[in-house]
Amino acid sequence: MTPGEDRGLVKSVFPRSVRKNWDLYLLALPVVAYFIIIKYLPMYGIQIAFKDFSVSKGIWDSEWVGFKHFIRFFNNYQFWTLIKNTIGISLFQILVAFPLPIIFALMVNEVRTKWFKKSIQSITFMPHFLSMVVLVGMIMAFLSPSTGLINNILRLFGQEPIYFMTEPDMFKSIYVFSDIWQNMGFSSILYIAVLANIDKQLYEAAMIDGANKLQRLIHIAIPCLIPTAIIMLIFQFGSIMDIGFEKIYLMQNDLNKPSSNVISTYVYETGLLGSQFSFSAAVGLFNSVINFILIIIVNQIAKRVSSTSLW
């Protein structure tokens, strides 16, 4: 094959846009490889949710049982409690924790002293990088009925100590508000970046027209944040059934279990510790299907209400 024929073959195989921007495609290659290897190839194992998986037989040769494990999960006496706890914590987190990074970003954006602004950002970013074990240890130390700071303050006012970590009604609040403390600053980075990229001429024009700070906030800053906030909200609803396992499991005890037992902890205890891999795969697939349906519904609602959506 001649060099001319080689070049002609390359042109026919690779579109012009790929040949022109080959360096950008090369840059994206590790990300694409990550999703293919880590996310898509393991989907081959989804079939064990419909089988009685045996390690000795392997995935392919294990006995096919259809929806047996799904029916077992649906008929479990804890099913509705698990659903209620999982969705309850997720919705509480969305209602309380989702708006706060936006509000924080708007407040930080109004700070004009650079060193003070950077100090606030650094201080609020730090908790995000704490180990989950360390974070839960701090929560238990602060809320300890004997030596905890909160209960020591209550004693100063003549109040009886409260056993926070053993009260089922308090678990959701402790989980969500500790998550706010840990992640609010880090979650606000995206919104701060959006505000930093707003054209300064918009603010200048508004000031010339006599708009005060509140009016500039309402008519310039917030409208610019709305598209990003909608996208992030869609992602939040798309993972409503996926409550982080590690934190809940570390905070969980026998007394708060009526409120803290969620699908992920149930799967760990009954599926993985009991080596019931097919059952845990079935519950995980159920979670993924619900999340997929929710993200489609919320995306369609966002598309109708506004011009912003994932697709």
C-alpha atoms as a PDB file:
ATOM      1  CA  MET A   1       0.000   0.000   0.000  1.00  0.00           C
ATOM      2  CA  THR A   2       1.423   3.389  -1.016  1.00  0.00           C
ATOM      3  CA  PRO A   3       1.725   6.373   1.397  1.00  0.00           C
ATOM      4  CA  GLY A   4      -1.042   8.109  -0.524  1.00  0.00           C
ATOM      5  CA  GLU A   5      -3.355   5.135  -0.028  1.00  0.00           C
ATOM      6  CA  ASP A   6      -2.459   5.097   3.708  1.00  0.00           C
ATOM      7  CA  ARG A   7      -3.512   8.740   4.073  1.00  0.00           C
ATOM      8  CA  GLY A   8      -6.722   8.058   2.169  1.00  0.00           C
ATOM      9  CA  LEU A   9      -7.548   5.160   4.504  1.00  0.00           C
ATOM     10  CA  VAL A  10      -6.959   7.339   7.597  1.00  0.00           C
ATOM     11  CA  LYS A  11      -9.250  10.032   6.174  1.00  0.00           C
ATOM     12  CA  SER A  12     -11.998   7.519   5.472  1.00  0.00           C
ATOM     13  CA  VAL A  13     -11.792   5.907   8.943  1.00  0.00           C
ATOM     14  CA  PHE A  14     -11.506   9.066  11.037  1.00  0.00           C
ATOM     15  CA  PRO A  15     -13.909  12.000  10.475  1.00  0.00           C
ATOM     16  CA  ARG A  16     -12.460  15.419   9.783  1.00  0.00           C
ATOM     17  CA  SER A  17     -13.381  16.740  13.231  1.00  0.00           C
ATOM     18  CA  VAL A  18     -11.407  13.895  14.891  1.00  0.00           C
ATOM     19  CA  ARG A  19      -8.353  14.481  12.698  1.00  0.00           C
ATOM     20  CA  LYS A  20      -8.507  18.232  13.303  1.00  0.00           C
ATOM     21  CA  ASN A  21      -8.932  18.005  17.114  1.00  0.00           C
ATOM     22  CA  TRP A  22      -6.998  14.786  17.752  1.00  0.00           C
ATOM     23  CA  ASP A  23      -5.285  16.268  20.818  1.00  0.00           C
ATOM     24  CA  LEU A  24      -8.632  17.012  22.516  1.00  0.00           C
ATOM     25  CA  TYR A  25      -9.893  13.512  21.801  1.00  0.00           C
ATOM     26  CA  LEU A  26      -6.645  12.120  23.191  1.00  0.00           C
ATOM     27  CA  LEU A  27      -7.187  14.184  26.345  1.00  0.00           C
ATOM     28  CA  ALA A  28     -10.716  12.739  26.713  1.00  0.00           C
ATOM     29  CA  LEU A  29      -9.546   9.159  26.139  1.00  0.00           C
ATOM     30  CA  PRO A  30      -8.691   8.348  29.820  1.00  0.00           C
ATOM     31  CA  VAL A  31     -12.166   9.496  30.928  1.00  0.00           C
ATOM     32  CA  VAL A  32     -13.853   7.413  28.218  1.00  0.00           C
ATOM     33  CA  ALA A  33     -11.692   4.415  29.145  1.00  0.00           C
ATOM     34  CA  TYR A  34     -12.620   4.888  32.827  1.00  0.00           C
ATOM     35  CA  PHE A  35     -16.354   4.779  32.120  1.00  0.00           C
ATOM     36  CA  ILE A  36     -16.041   1.794  29.787  1.00  0.00           C
ATOM     37  CA  ILE A  37     -13.862  -0.264  32.145  1.00  0.00           C
ATOM     38  CA  ILE A  38     -15.330   0.760  35.516  1.00  0.00           C
ATOM     39  CA  LYS A  39     -18.973   1.501  34.637  1.00  0.00           C
ATOM     40  CA  TYR A  40     -20.018  -0.431  31.537  1.00  0.00           C
ATOM     41  CA  LEU A  41     -18.032  -3.692  31.494  1.00  0.00           C
ATOM     42  CA  PRO A  42     -19.175  -4.649  35.036  1.00  0.00           C
ATOM     43  CA  MET A  43     -22.780  -4.433  33.813  1.00  0.00           C
ATOM     44  CA  TYR A  44     -22.211  -7.951  32.499  1.00  0.00           C
ATOM     45  CA  GLY A  45     -22.585  -9.070  36.114  1.00  0.00           C
ATOM     46  CA  ILE A  46     -26.127  -7.624  36.400  1.00  0.00           C
ATOM     47  CA  GLN A  47     -27.479 -10.986  35.277  1.00  0.00           C
ATOM     48  CA  ILE A  48     -26.676 -12.525  38.667  1.00  0.00           C
ATOM     49  CA  ALA A  49     -29.697 -10.578  39.988  1.00  0.00           C
ATOM     50  CA  PHE A  50     -31.806 -13.060  37.988  1.00  0.00           C
ATOM     51  CA  LYS A  51     -29.800 -16.130  39.008  1.00  0.00           C
ATOM     52  CA  ASP A  52     -28.837 -18.098  42.111  1.00  0.00           C
ATOM     53  CA  PHE A  53     -25.211 -17.155  41.793  1.00  0.00           C
ATOM     54  CA  SER A  54     -22.646 -19.720  42.844  1.00  0.00           C
ATOM     55  CA  VAL A  55     -18.948 -18.861  42.965  1.00  0.00           C
ATOM     56  CA  SER A  56     -18.003 -22.393  41.932  1.00  0.00           C
ATOM     57  CA  LYS A  57     -20.304 -22.327  38.881  1.00  0.00           C
ATOM     58  CA  GLY A  58     -19.574 -18.757  37.852  1.00  0.00           C
ATOM     59  CA  ILE A  59     -21.967 -16.185  36.439  1.00  0.00           C
ATOM     60  CA  TRP A  60     -22.786 -17.963  33.190  1.00  0.00           C
ATOM     61  CA  ASP A  61     -23.468 -21.451  34.616  1.00  0.00           C
ATOM     62  CA  SER A  62     -25.450 -20.378  37.714  1.00  0.00           C
ATOM     63  CA  GLU A  63     -29.113 -21.372  37.808  1.00  0.00           C
ATOM     64  CA  TRP A  64     -31.594 -18.893  36.291  1.00  0.00           C
ATOM     65  CA  VAL A  65     -34.387 -17.997  38.767  1.00  0.00           C
ATOM     66  CA  GLY A  66     -36.007 -14.954  37.122  1.00  0.00           C
ATOM     67  CA  PHE A  67     -37.491 -12.385  39.532  1.00  0.00           C
ATOM     68  CA  LYS A  68     -37.152 -14.553  42.643  1.00  0.00           C
ATOM     69  CA  HIS A  69     -34.813 -12.152  44.482  1.00  0.00           C
ATOM     70  CA  PHE A  70     -36.853  -9.077  43.557  1.00  0.00           C
ATOM     71  CA  ILE A  71     -40.049 -10.714  44.869  1.00  0.00           C
ATOM     72  CA  ARG A  72     -38.218 -11.681  48.055  1.00  0.00           C
ATOM     73  CA  PHE A  73     -37.164  -8.067  48.573  1.00  0.00           C
ATOM     74  CA  PHE A  74     -40.648  -6.685  47.845  1.00  0.00           C
ATOM     75  CA  ASN A  75     -42.253  -9.173  50.260  1.00  0.00           C
ATOM     76  CA  ASN A  76     -39.763  -8.450  53.029  1.00  0.00           C
ATOM     77  CA  TYR A  77     -41.446  -6.995  56.117  1.00  0.00           C
ATOM     78  CA  GLN A  78     -38.802  -4.204  56.186  1.00  0.00           C
ATOM     79  CA  PHE A  79     -39.353  -3.162  52.555  1.00  0.00           C
ATOM     80  CA  TRP A  80     -41.540  -0.096  53.151  1.00  0.00           C
ATOM     81  CA  THR A  81     -39.481   0.988  56.166  1.00  0.00           C
ATOM     82  CA  LEU A  82     -36.313   0.873  54.066  1.00  0.00           C
ATOM     83  CA  ILE A  83     -37.965   2.821  51.238  1.00  0.00           C
ATOM     84  CA  LYS A  84     -39.373   5.402  53.665  1.00  0.00           C
ATOM     85  CA  ASN A  85     -36.020   5.908  55.418  1.00  0.00           C
ATOM     86  CA  THR A  86     -34.016   6.084  52.177  1.00  0.00           C
ATOM     87  CA  ILE A  87     -36.338   8.529  50.403  1.00  0.00           C
ATOM     88  CA  GLY A  88     -36.980  10.484  53.603  1.00  0.00           C
ATOM     89  CA  ILE A  89     -33.292  11.197  54.214  1.00  0.00           C
ATOM     90  CA  SER A  90     -32.707  12.020  50.521  1.00  0.00           C
ATOM     91  CA  LEU A  91     -35.640  14.450  50.277  1.00  0.00           C
ATOM     92  CA  PHE A  92     -34.686  16.103  53.574  1.00  0.00           C
ATOM     93  CA  GLN A  93     -31.155  16.495  52.240  1.00  0.00           C
ATOM     94  CA  ILE A  94     -32.414  18.041  48.993  1.00  0.00           C
ATOM     95  CA  LEU A  95     -34.808  20.437  50.752  1.00  0.00           C
ATOM     96  CA  VAL A  96     -32.309  21.627  53.368  1.00  0.00           C
ATOM     97  CA  ALA A  97     -28.809  20.996  52.010  1.00  0.00           C
ATOM     98  CA  PHE A  98     -29.297  21.780  48.313  1.00  0.00           C
ATOM     99  CA  PRO A  99     -30.143  25.536  48.579  1.00  0.00           C
ATOM    100  CA  LEU A 100     -27.450  26.360  51.151  1.00  0.00           C
ATOM    101  CA  PRO A 101     -24.390  26.175  48.831  1.00  0.00           C
ATOM    102  CA  ILE A 102     -26.205  28.553  46.455  1.00  0.00           C
ATOM    103  CA  ILE A 103     -26.944  31.002  49.274  1.00  0.00           C
ATOM    104  CA  PHE A 104     -23.367  30.675  50.540  1.00  0.00           C
ATOM    105  CA  ALA A 105     -21.958  31.339  47.051  1.00  0.00           C
ATOM    106  CA  LEU A 106     -24.102  34.475  46.722  1.00  0.00           C
ATOM    107  CA  MET A 107     -22.866  35.708  50.105  1.00  0.00           C
ATOM    108  CA  VAL A 108     -19.198  34.990  49.301  1.00  0.00           C
ATOM    109  CA  ASN A 109     -19.593  36.747  45.960  1.00  0.00           C
ATOM    110  CA  GLU A 110     -20.575  39.948  47.776  1.00  0.00           C
ATOM    111  CA  VAL A 111     -17.401  39.982  49.888  1.00  0.00           C
ATOM    112  CA  ARG A 112     -15.014  42.551  48.451  1.00  0.00           C
ATOM    113  CA  THR A 113     -11.999  42.053  50.758  1.00  0.00           C
ATOM    114  CA  LYS A 114      -9.906  39.431  48.945  1.00  0.00           C
ATOM    115  CA  TRP A 115      -8.015  38.001  51.941  1.00  0.00           C
ATOM    116  CA  PHE A 116     -11.242  37.651  53.929  1.00  0.00           C
ATOM    117  CA  LYS A 117     -13.022  36.045  50.962  1.00  0.00           C
ATOM    118  CA  LYS A 118     -10.222  33.501  50.450  1.00  0.00           C
ATOM    119  CA  SER A 119     -10.111  32.751  54.186  1.00  0.00           C
ATOM    120  CA  ILE A 120     -13.844  32.004  54.275  1.00  0.00           C
ATOM    121  CA  GLN A 121     -13.565  29.725  51.252  1.00  0.00           C
ATOM    122  CA  SER A 122     -10.552  27.835  52.653  1.00  0.00           C
ATOM    123  CA  ILE A 123     -12.188  27.310  56.065  1.00  0.00           C
ATOM    124  CA  THR A 124     -15.454  26.036  54.572  1.00  0.00           C
ATOM    125  CA  PHE A 125     -13.679  23.768  52.046  1.00  0.00           C
ATOM    126  CA  MET A 126     -11.582  21.964  54.680  1.00  0.00           C
ATOM    127  CA  PRO A 127     -14.279  19.720  56.250  1.00  0.00           C
ATOM    128  CA  HIS A 128     -14.949  18.121  52.853  1.00  0.00           C
ATOM    129  CA  PHE A 129     -11.540  16.438  52.952  1.00  0.00           C
ATOM    130  CA  LEU A 130     -12.057  14.838  56.357  1.00  0.00           C
ATOM    131  CA  SER A 131     -12.181  11.069  56.503  1.00  0.00           C
ATOM    132  CA  MET A 132     -15.717   9.778  57.091  1.00  0.00           C
ATOM    133  CA  VAL A 133     -14.482   7.853  60.123  1.00  0.00           C
ATOM    134  CA  VAL A 134     -13.006  11.036  61.584  1.00  0.00           C
ATOM    135  CA  LEU A 135     -16.191  12.979  60.827  1.00  0.00           C
ATOM    136  CA  VAL A 136     -18.455  10.453  62.555  1.00  0.00           C
ATOM    137  CA  GLY A 137     -16.015  10.337  65.489  1.00  0.00           C
ATOM    138  CA  MET A 138     -16.321  14.126  65.801  1.00  0.00           C
ATOM    139  CA  ILE A 139     -20.132  13.925  65.672  1.00  0.00           C
ATOM    140  CA  MET A 140     -20.189  11.320  68.454  1.00  0.00           C
ATOM    141  CA  ALA A 141     -17.736  13.357  70.538  1.00  0.00           C
ATOM    142  CA  PHE A 142     -19.783  16.556  70.221  1.00  0.00           C
ATOM    143  CA  LEU A 143     -23.067  14.764  70.952  1.00  0.00           C
ATOM    144  CA  SER A 144     -21.808  12.491  73.737  1.00  0.00           C
ATOM    145  CA  PRO A 145     -24.236  12.537  76.697  1.00  0.00           C
ATOM    146  CA  SER A 146     -21.374  12.589  79.244  1.00  0.00           C
ATOM    147  CA  THR A 147     -18.572  14.702  77.726  1.00  0.00           C
ATOM    148  CA  GLY A 148     -20.123  16.213  74.591  1.00  0.00           C
ATOM    149  CA  LEU A 149     -20.004  19.974  74.066  1.00  0.00           C
ATOM    150  CA  ILE A 150     -23.733  20.229  73.290  1.00  0.00           C
ATOM    151  CA  ASN A 151     -24.795  18.394  76.445  1.00  0.00           C
ATOM    152  CA  ASN A 152     -22.321  20.370  78.570  1.00  0.00           C
ATOM    153  CA  ILE A 153     -24.000  23.568  77.359  1.00  0.00           C
ATOM    154  CA  LEU A 154     -27.409  22.080  78.182  1.00  0.00           C
ATOM    155  CA  ARG A 155     -26.205  21.285  81.718  1.00  0.00           C
ATOM    156  CA  LEU A 156     -25.149  24.906  82.192  1.00  0.00           C
ATOM    157  CA  PHE A 157     -28.790  25.880  81.663  1.00  0.00           C
ATOM    158  CA  GLY A 158     -30.039  23.187  84.003  1.00  0.00           C
ATOM    159  CA  GLN A 159     -31.220  20.793  81.295  1.00  0.00           C
ATOM    160  CA  GLU A 160     -30.902  17.036  81.295  1.00  0.00           C
ATOM    161  CA  PRO A 161     -28.424  15.553  78.771  1.00  0.00           C
ATOM    162  CA  ILE A 162     -29.910  14.247  75.526  1.00  0.00           C
ATOM    163  CA  TYR A 163     -28.821  10.915  74.046  1.00  0.00           C
ATOM    164  CA  PHE A 164     -28.750  12.236  70.482  1.00  0.00           C
ATOM    165  CA  MET A 165     -27.296   9.154  68.769  1.00  0.00           C
ATOM    166  CA  THR A 166     -29.869   6.803  70.284  1.00  0.00           C
ATOM    167  CA  GLU A 167     -32.937   8.852  69.346  1.00  0.00           C
ATOM    168  CA  PRO A 168     -34.465   7.603  66.053  1.00  0.00           C
ATOM    169  CA  ASP A 169     -36.284  10.908  65.492  1.00  0.00           C
ATOM    170  CA  MET A 170     -33.013  12.848  65.579  1.00  0.00           C
ATOM    171  CA  PHE A 171     -31.014  10.647  63.216  1.00  0.00           C
ATOM    172  CA  LYS A 172     -32.102  12.312  59.956  1.00  0.00           C
ATOM    173  CA  SER A 173     -31.373  15.800  61.290  1.00  0.00           C
ATOM    174  CA  ILE A 174     -27.934  14.782  62.597  1.00  0.00           C
ATOM    175  CA  TYR A 175     -27.087  13.106  59.294  1.00  0.00           C
ATOM    176  CA  VAL A 176     -28.220  15.996  57.086  1.00  0.00           C
ATOM    177  CA  PHE A 177     -26.847  18.895  59.133  1.00  0.00           C
ATOM    178  CA  SER A 178     -23.470  17.216  59.591  1.00  0.00           C
ATOM    179  CA  ASP A 179     -23.427  16.711  55.813  1.00  0.00           C
ATOM    180  CA  ILE A 180     -24.133  20.435  55.356  1.00  0.00           C
ATOM    181  CA  TRP A 181     -21.215  21.313  57.631  1.00  0.00           C
ATOM    182  CA  GLN A 182     -18.900  18.977  55.744  1.00  0.00           C
ATOM    183  CA  ASN A 183     -19.878  19.677  52.130  1.00  0.00           C
ATOM    184  CA  MET A 184     -21.523  23.099  51.879  1.00  0.00           C
ATOM    185  CA  GLY A 185     -18.299  24.972  51.154  1.00  0.00           C
ATOM    186  CA  PHE A 186     -17.046  22.450  48.605  1.00  0.00           C
ATOM    187  CA  SER A 187     -20.441  22.243  46.872  1.00  0.00           C
ATOM    188  CA  SER A 188     -20.485  26.021  46.480  1.00  0.00           C
ATOM    189  CA  ILE A 189     -17.340  26.019  44.274  1.00  0.00           C
ATOM    190  CA  LEU A 190     -19.352  25.510  41.092  1.00  0.00           C
ATOM    191  CA  TYR A 191     -21.754  28.332  41.918  1.00  0.00           C
ATOM    192  CA  ILE A 192     -18.911  30.673  42.904  1.00  0.00           C
ATOM    193  CA  ALA A 193     -17.272  29.956  39.528  1.00  0.00           C
ATOM    194  CA  VAL A 194     -20.525  30.773  37.710  1.00  0.00           C
ATOM    195  CA  LEU A 195     -20.854  34.074  39.583  1.00  0.00           C
ATOM    196  CA  ALA A 196     -17.215  34.945  38.860  1.00  0.00           C
ATOM    197  CA  ASN A 197     -17.867  34.551  35.115  1.00  0.00           C
ATOM    198  CA  ILE A 198     -20.828  36.927  34.967  1.00  0.00           C
ATOM    199  CA  ASP A 199     -20.089  39.850  32.674  1.00  0.00           C
ATOM    200  CA  LYS A 200     -19.145  42.839  34.838  1.00  0.00           C
ATOM    201  CA  GLN A 201     -20.848  45.143  32.338  1.00  0.00           C
ATOM    202  CA  LEU A 202     -24.210  43.778  33.494  1.00  0.00           C
ATOM    203  CA  TYR A 203     -23.503  44.979  37.036  1.00  0.00           C
ATOM    204  CA  GLU A 204     -22.205  48.317  35.784  1.00  0.00           C
ATOM    205  CA  ALA A 205     -25.286  48.864  33.626  1.00  0.00           C
ATOM    206  CA  ALA A 206     -27.544  47.981  36.553  1.00  0.00           C
ATOM    207  CA  MET A 207     -25.683  50.434  38.829  1.00  0.00           C
ATOM    208  CA  ILE A 208     -26.059  53.180  36.235  1.00  0.00           C
ATOM    209  CA  ASP A 209     -29.791  52.458  36.155  1.00  0.00           C
ATOM    210  CA  GLY A 210     -29.893  52.908  39.934  1.00  0.00           C
ATOM    211  CA  ALA A 211     -30.189  49.233  40.998  1.00  0.00           C
ATOM    212  CA  ASN A 212     -29.090  48.546  44.561  1.00  0.00           C
ATOM    213  CA  LYS A 213     -27.256  45.408  45.748  1.00  0.00           C
ATOM    214  CA  LEU A 214     -30.439  43.448  46.415  1.00  0.00           C
ATOM    215  CA  GLN A 215     -31.854  44.287  42.978  1.00  0.00           C
ATOM    216  CA  ARG A 216     -28.580  43.288  41.276  1.00  0.00           C
ATOM    217  CA  LEU A 217     -28.660  40.048  43.234  1.00  0.00           C
ATOM    218  CA  ILE A 218     -32.254  39.255  42.246  1.00  0.00           C
ATOM    219  CA  HIS A 219     -32.094  40.315  38.597  1.00  0.00           C
ATOM    220  CA  ILE A 220     -28.506  39.368  37.635  1.00  0.00           C
ATOM    221  CA  ALA A 221     -26.796  36.907  39.992  1.00  0.00           C
ATOM    222  CA  ILE A 222     -29.697  34.545  40.729  1.00  0.00           C
ATOM    223  CA  PRO A 223     -30.913  34.228  37.085  1.00  0.00           C
ATOM    224  CA  CYS A 224     -27.347  33.351  36.054  1.00  0.00           C
ATOM    225  CA  LEU A 225     -27.215  30.609  38.717  1.00  0.00           C
ATOM    226  CA  ILE A 226     -30.584  29.039  37.886  1.00  0.00           C
ATOM    227  CA  PRO A 227     -29.455  26.895  34.883  1.00  0.00           C
ATOM    228  CA  THR A 228     -26.575  25.388  36.869  1.00  0.00           C
ATOM    229  CA  ALA A 229     -28.808  24.853  39.906  1.00  0.00           C
ATOM    230  CA  ILE A 230     -31.402  23.034  37.773  1.00  0.00           C
ATOM    231  CA  ILE A 231     -28.769  20.664  36.359  1.00  0.00           C
ATOM    232  CA  MET A 232     -27.445  19.920  39.848  1.00  0.00           C
ATOM    233  CA  LEU A 233     -30.993  19.370  41.128  1.00  0.00           C
ATOM    234  CA  ILE A 234     -31.656  16.848  38.354  1.00  0.00           C
ATOM    235  CA  PHE A 235     -28.504  14.965  39.373  1.00  0.00           C
ATOM    236  CA  GLN A 236     -29.646  15.039  43.010  1.00  0.00           C
ATOM    237  CA  PHE A 237     -32.997  13.480  42.141  1.00  0.00           C
ATOM    238  CA  GLY A 238     -31.204  10.955  39.940  1.00  0.00           C
ATOM    239  CA  SER A 239     -29.399   9.583  42.992  1.00  0.00           C
ATOM    240  CA  ILE A 240     -32.247   9.831  45.493  1.00  0.00           C
ATOM    241  CA  MET A 241     -32.086   6.096  46.285  1.00  0.00           C
ATOM    242  CA  ASP A 242     -28.308   6.099  46.752  1.00  0.00           C
ATOM    243  CA  ILE A 243     -27.698   7.238  50.305  1.00  0.00           C
ATOM    244  CA  GLY A 244     -24.020   7.051  51.214  1.00  0.00           C
ATOM    245  CA  PHE A 245     -23.468   3.722  52.975  1.00  0.00           C
ATOM    246  CA  GLU A 246     -20.323   4.472  54.986  1.00  0.00           C
ATOM    247  CA  LYS A 247     -21.575   7.408  57.056  1.00  0.00           C
ATOM    248  CA  ILE A 248     -24.937   5.866  57.896  1.00  0.00           C
ATOM    249  CA  TYR A 249     -23.353   2.552  58.832  1.00  0.00           C
ATOM    250  CA  LEU A 250     -20.870   4.266  61.161  1.00  0.00           C
ATOM    251  CA  MET A 251     -23.627   6.318  62.804  1.00  0.00           C
ATOM    252  CA  GLN A 252     -26.024   3.387  63.088  1.00  0.00           C
ATOM    253  CA  ASN A 253     -26.769   1.511  66.297  1.00  0.00           C
ATOM    254  CA  ASP A 254     -29.526  -0.793  67.527  1.00  0.00           C
ATOM    255  CA  LEU A 255     -31.511   2.067  69.098  1.00  0.00           C
ATOM    256  CA  ASN A 256     -31.617   4.422  66.084  1.00  0.00           C
ATOM    257  CA  LYS A 257     -32.004   1.628  63.526  1.00  0.00           C
ATOM    258  CA  PRO A 258     -35.740   2.258  62.926  1.00  0.00           C
ATOM    259  CA  SER A 259     -34.704   5.550  61.265  1.00  0.00           C
ATOM    260  CA  SER A 260     -31.179   4.741  60.088  1.00  0.00           C
ATOM    261  CA  ASN A 261     -31.726   1.411  58.351  1.00  0.00           C
ATOM    262  CA  VAL A 262     -31.703   2.226  54.624  1.00  0.00           C
ATOM    263  CA  ILE A 263     -31.438   0.082  51.510  1.00  0.00           C
ATOM    264  CA  SER A 264     -27.633   0.248  51.324  1.00  0.00           C
ATOM    265  CA  THR A 265     -27.127  -0.906  54.937  1.00  0.00           C
ATOM    266  CA  TYR A 266     -29.754  -3.620  54.515  1.00  0.00           C
ATOM    267  CA  VAL A 267     -28.007  -4.938  51.403  1.00  0.00           C
ATOM    268  CA  TYR A 268     -24.682  -4.968  53.232  1.00  0.00           C
ATOM    269  CA  GLU A 269     -26.023  -6.873  56.218  1.00  0.00           C
ATOM    270  CA  THR A 270     -28.256  -9.405  54.442  1.00  0.00           C
ATOM    271  CA  GLY A 271     -26.640  -9.594  51.032  1.00  0.00           C
ATOM    272  CA  LEU A 272     -22.889  -9.183  51.417  1.00  0.00           C
ATOM    273  CA  LEU A 273     -22.250 -10.355  54.989  1.00  0.00           C
ATOM    274  CA  GLY A 274     -24.492 -13.337  54.306  1.00  0.00           C
ATOM    275  CA  SER A 275     -22.828 -13.986  50.909  1.00  0.00           C
ATOM    276  CA  GLN A 276     -26.203 -13.569  49.157  1.00  0.00           C
ATOM    277  CA  PHE A 277     -24.687 -11.907  46.104  1.00  0.00           C
ATOM    278  CA  SER A 278     -27.667 -12.434  43.809  1.00  0.00           C
ATOM    279  CA  PHE A 279     -30.014 -10.839  46.327  1.00  0.00           C
ATOM    280  CA  SER A 280     -27.771  -7.797  46.834  1.00  0.00           C
ATOM    281  CA  ALA A 281     -27.411  -7.436  43.046  1.00  0.00           C
ATOM    282  CA  ALA A 282     -31.211  -7.522  42.666  1.00  0.00           C
ATOM    283  CA  VAL A 283     -31.688  -4.770  45.250  1.00  0.00           C
ATOM    284  CA  GLY A 284     -28.925  -2.706  43.646  1.00  0.00           C
ATOM    285  CA  LEU A 285     -30.554  -3.086  40.233  1.00  0.00           C
ATOM    286  CA  PHE A 286     -33.897  -2.043  41.717  1.00  0.00           C
ATOM    287  CA  ASN A 287     -32.221   1.104  43.082  1.00  0.00           C
ATOM    288  CA  SER A 288     -30.660   1.915  39.717  1.00  0.00           C
ATOM    289  CA  VAL A 289     -33.960   1.495  37.847  1.00  0.00           C
ATOM    290  CA  ILE A 290     -35.784   3.814  40.270  1.00  0.00           C
ATOM    291  CA  ASN A 291     -32.999   6.424  39.956  1.00  0.00           C
ATOM    292  CA  PHE A 292     -33.109   6.144  36.160  1.00  0.00           C
ATOM    293  CA  ILE A 293     -36.874   6.668  36.092  1.00  0.00           C
ATOM    294  CA  LEU A 294     -36.623   9.644  38.465  1.00  0.00           C
ATOM    295  CA  ILE A 295     -33.903  11.378  36.459  1.00  0.00           C
ATOM    296  CA  ILE A 296     -36.015  11.060  33.283  1.00  0.00           C
ATOM    297  CA  ILE A 297     -39.127  12.446  35.019  1.00  0.00           C
ATOM    298  CA  VAL A 298     -37.298  15.357  36.675  1.00  0.00           C
ATOM    299  CA  ASN A 299     -35.475  16.157  33.430  1.00  0.00           C
ATOM    300  CA  GLN A 300     -38.784  16.338  31.536  1.00  0.00           C
ATOM    301  CA  ILE A 301     -40.277  18.580  34.229  1.00  0.00           C
ATOM    302  CA  ALA A 302     -37.220  20.859  34.061  1.00  0.00           C
ATOM    303  CA  LYS A 303     -37.482  20.994  30.270  1.00  0.00           C
ATOM    304  CA  ARG A 304     -41.124  22.115  30.466  1.00  0.00           C
ATOM    305  CA  VAL A 305     -40.664  24.581  33.298  1.00  0.00           C
ATOM    306  CA  SER A 306     -37.432  26.110  31.979  1.00  0.00           C
ATOM    307  CA  SER A 307     -35.166  25.847  28.952  1.00  0.00           C
ATOM    308  CA  THR A 308     -32.505  23.968  30.948  1.00  0.00           C
ATOM    309  CA  SER A 309     -32.270  20.177  30.960  1.00  0.00           C
ATOM    310  CA  LEU A 310     -29.752  17.364  30.571  1.00  0.00           C
ATOM    311  CA  TRP A 311     -31.070  16.404  27.137  1.00  0.00           C
END
